[in-house]
Amino acid sequence: MKYKLVLLLAAFLLSTSPAHGQPRNTGGPQPFHVSSRGSANGVQTELEGIFVVNPESIEVNVTKATIYVSEHCPYQGRRSVNQLKLGLAAEVDSEGKWKIESSGLPLLLNLVMSPKEDYVLHNLSFLIPKESNADLSKRWFVAEIQTNVLDLPDQRDQVGYVFAFSCKDVFVPLDCKKAKQ
């Protein structure tokens, strides 16, 4: 009986300990927000929803995604908004440079939009792969939108990308954020 109790206690302690300083999966969904609204980007986006961290992936449910074409941009013609990807970003140096480490499969949009137009999507799902030992406290969400201009014939085939980010502490558990305040 004593042996079973010790094994049970050890299993419980091992299952609740975070590995290598990584925020542990709280077992429940966590909220997130990604936005480039108000930026200088010609195409801007705002995503909100919940995510769950699993050992080798992050499940993301975007409850609402808004794509907006800004009127405060030198190019005032139509744009093709081709796809949306959601991934994990990480800093690569102390100067603030970053890279996308991994991303889920792209969502094909094939939208034609003009300035001041927005397009709203609901209930999108992404599965972002990650290393099982990745330190998520040094990662954040990045949304990547692929776009190109349509009304300038010499630039029609040039693909461009715009990005939107979550807060850099999106993976820090909420109770830790409250403790810092």
Protein backbone atom coordinates (compact mmCIF):
# COMPACT_ATOMS: atom_id res chain seq x y z
CA MET A 1 0.00 0.00 0.00
CA LYS A 2 2.82 2.41 0.92
CA TYR A 3 4.58 1.58 -2.38
CA LYS A 4 1.46 2.43 -4.43
CA LEU A 5 1.03 5.73 -2.61
CA VAL A 6 4.66 6.72 -3.32
CA LEU A 7 4.25 5.85 -7.02
CA LEU A 8 1.01 7.79 -7.23
CA LEU A 9 2.58 10.85 -5.58
CA ALA A 10 5.65 10.67 -7.87
CA ALA A 11 3.47 10.41 -10.98
CA PHE A 12 1.45 13.43 -9.88
CA LEU A 13 4.54 15.55 -9.21
CA LEU A 14 6.16 14.63 -12.52
CA SER A 15 3.00 15.39 -14.48
CA THR A 16 2.66 18.90 -13.04
CA SER A 17 6.29 20.07 -13.28
CA PRO A 18 7.18 22.40 -16.17
CA ALA A 19 10.15 21.17 -18.20
CA HIS A 20 13.13 23.50 -18.76
CA GLY A 21 11.30 26.64 -17.64
CA GLN A 22 8.63 26.13 -20.30
CA PRO A 23 5.13 27.22 -19.43
CA ARG A 24 3.20 24.05 -18.83
CA ASN A 25 -0.01 23.13 -20.54
CA THR A 26 -2.69 24.26 -18.17
CA GLY A 27 -5.00 21.68 -19.69
CA GLY A 28 -7.43 24.35 -20.74
CA PRO A 29 -7.75 26.87 -23.52
CA GLN A 30 -5.96 30.21 -23.21
CA PRO A 31 -7.08 33.42 -24.96
CA PHE A 32 -4.98 35.22 -27.55
CA HIS A 33 -5.16 38.32 -29.73
CA VAL A 34 -3.14 39.08 -32.89
CA SER A 35 -3.40 42.45 -34.60
CA SER A 36 -1.82 44.78 -37.11
CA ARG A 37 -4.78 47.20 -37.15
CA GLY A 38 -3.58 50.79 -37.24
CA SER A 39 -0.17 49.81 -38.64
CA ALA A 40 1.35 51.06 -41.90
CA ASN A 41 0.48 47.77 -43.65
CA GLY A 42 -1.75 48.04 -46.70
CA VAL A 43 -3.51 44.84 -45.63
CA GLN A 44 -4.16 44.54 -41.90
CA THR A 45 -5.60 41.75 -39.80
CA GLU A 46 -6.97 41.09 -36.36
CA LEU A 47 -7.43 37.60 -34.93
CA GLU A 48 -8.90 36.56 -31.61
CA GLY A 49 -9.56 33.17 -30.13
CA ILE A 50 -8.15 30.46 -27.92
CA PHE A 51 -5.24 28.04 -28.03
CA VAL A 52 -4.17 24.85 -26.28
CA VAL A 53 -0.52 23.82 -25.97
CA ASN A 54 0.16 20.13 -26.59
CA PRO A 55 3.54 18.37 -26.38
CA GLU A 56 4.30 18.66 -30.12
CA SER A 57 1.78 21.18 -31.39
CA ILE A 58 -0.42 24.14 -30.56
CA GLU A 59 -4.10 23.89 -31.43
CA VAL A 60 -5.51 27.30 -32.31
CA ASN A 61 -9.18 28.16 -32.72
CA VAL A 62 -9.68 31.61 -34.20
CA THR A 63 -13.18 32.65 -33.20
CA LYS A 64 -13.03 35.82 -35.33
CA ALA A 65 -10.59 37.01 -38.00
CA THR A 66 -10.93 40.38 -39.71
CA ILE A 67 -8.91 41.31 -42.79
CA TYR A 68 -8.92 45.00 -43.68
CA VAL A 69 -7.44 46.98 -46.59
CA SER A 70 -6.18 50.36 -45.41
CA GLU A 71 -6.98 53.61 -47.18
CA HIS A 72 -3.81 55.17 -45.66
CA CYS A 73 -1.42 53.57 -48.12
CA PRO A 74 0.25 54.94 -51.29
CA TYR A 75 -1.29 52.16 -53.41
CA GLN A 76 -5.05 52.75 -53.60
CA GLY A 77 -6.02 49.98 -56.02
CA ARG A 78 -7.45 46.51 -55.58
CA ARG A 79 -5.46 43.78 -53.88
CA SER A 80 -5.61 40.04 -54.04
CA VAL A 81 -5.47 38.59 -50.53
CA ASN A 82 -4.32 35.05 -51.24
CA GLN A 83 -3.73 33.21 -47.99
CA LEU A 84 -3.43 33.42 -44.21
CA LYS A 85 -0.96 31.40 -42.13
CA LEU A 86 -0.51 31.31 -38.37
CA GLY A 87 2.83 30.38 -36.87
CA LEU A 88 5.33 30.78 -34.05
CA ALA A 89 7.86 33.61 -34.10
CA ALA A 90 11.11 33.89 -32.15
CA GLU A 91 13.81 36.54 -31.81
CA VAL A 92 17.04 35.78 -33.63
CA ASP A 93 19.21 38.54 -32.14
CA SER A 94 19.27 41.32 -29.56
CA GLU A 95 18.34 43.95 -32.18
CA GLY A 96 14.75 42.71 -32.33
CA LYS A 97 15.02 40.69 -35.53
CA TRP A 98 12.69 37.72 -35.60
CA LYS A 99 11.87 34.69 -37.71
CA ILE A 100 8.97 32.32 -38.16
CA GLU A 101 10.02 28.99 -36.64
CA SER A 102 7.03 26.93 -37.69
CA SER A 103 3.55 27.46 -39.01
CA GLY A 104 0.35 25.63 -39.68
CA LEU A 105 -1.05 24.97 -43.11
CA PRO A 106 -2.18 28.09 -44.96
CA LEU A 107 -5.83 28.99 -45.30
CA LEU A 108 -6.48 29.85 -48.95
CA LEU A 109 -8.57 33.02 -49.19
CA ASN A 110 -8.47 34.24 -52.81
CA LEU A 111 -10.14 37.55 -51.93
CA VAL A 112 -10.18 40.67 -54.09
CA MET A 113 -10.40 43.72 -51.84
CA SER A 114 -10.26 47.51 -52.22
CA PRO A 115 -9.29 50.20 -49.69
CA LYS A 116 -11.72 50.56 -46.76
CA GLU A 117 -13.08 47.04 -47.25
CA ASP A 118 -12.94 44.39 -44.59
CA TYR A 119 -13.71 40.70 -44.62
CA VAL A 120 -14.67 38.72 -41.53
CA LEU A 121 -14.11 34.99 -40.99
CA HIS A 122 -15.28 32.89 -38.05
CA ASN A 123 -14.24 29.60 -36.46
CA LEU A 124 -10.90 28.90 -38.14
CA SER A 125 -8.62 26.13 -36.88
CA PHE A 126 -4.84 25.92 -37.14
CA LEU A 127 -2.42 23.28 -35.88
CA ILE A 128 1.07 24.70 -35.40
CA PRO A 129 3.84 22.11 -34.96
CA LYS A 130 6.49 22.75 -32.31
CA GLU A 131 9.45 21.00 -30.76
CA SER A 132 8.43 19.14 -27.62
CA ASN A 133 11.11 20.98 -25.60
CA ALA A 134 10.59 24.45 -27.15
CA ASP A 135 10.67 27.25 -24.58
CA LEU A 136 7.39 28.96 -25.42
CA SER A 137 8.11 31.86 -23.08
CA LYS A 138 10.40 33.07 -25.91
CA ARG A 139 7.84 32.58 -28.69
CA TRP A 140 4.71 34.39 -29.85
CA PHE A 141 2.07 34.06 -32.56
CA VAL A 142 2.58 35.60 -35.99
CA ALA A 143 -0.08 35.83 -38.70
CA GLU A 144 1.26 35.99 -42.25
CA ILE A 145 -0.92 37.24 -45.09
CA GLN A 146 0.16 36.76 -48.70
CA THR A 147 -1.06 39.50 -51.01
CA ASN A 148 -0.38 41.22 -54.32
CA VAL A 149 -1.60 44.31 -56.17
CA LEU A 150 -4.01 43.90 -59.07
CA ASP A 151 -4.24 47.30 -60.78
CA LEU A 152 -0.56 47.79 -61.67
CA PRO A 153 0.17 45.39 -64.55
CA ASP A 154 3.96 45.48 -64.06
CA GLN A 155 3.58 44.44 -60.36
CA ARG A 156 0.70 41.96 -60.64
CA ASP A 157 2.98 38.92 -60.30
CA GLN A 158 4.94 40.29 -57.34
CA VAL A 159 3.81 38.56 -54.15
CA GLY A 160 4.02 40.51 -50.90
CA TYR A 161 3.63 39.54 -47.25
CA VAL A 162 2.28 41.43 -44.28
CA PHE A 163 2.49 40.29 -40.67
CA ALA A 164 0.58 40.71 -37.43
CA PHE A 165 1.73 39.62 -33.98
CA SER A 166 0.41 38.64 -30.60
CA CYS A 167 2.01 39.94 -27.42
CA LYS A 168 5.40 38.36 -26.82
CA ASP A 169 4.18 36.95 -23.49
CA VAL A 170 1.17 35.14 -24.99
CA PHE A 171 2.41 31.78 -23.68
CA VAL A 172 3.12 32.96 -20.15
CA PRO A 173 0.31 31.61 -17.94
CA LEU A 174 -2.24 34.21 -16.87
CA ASP A 175 -1.47 33.72 -13.18
CA CYS A 176 2.21 34.59 -13.86
CA LYS A 177 1.21 37.76 -15.74
CA LYS A 178 -0.93 38.88 -12.80
CA ALA A 179 1.93 38.24 -10.37
CA LYS A 180 4.23 40.53 -12.40
CA GLN A 181 1.82 43.49 -12.16
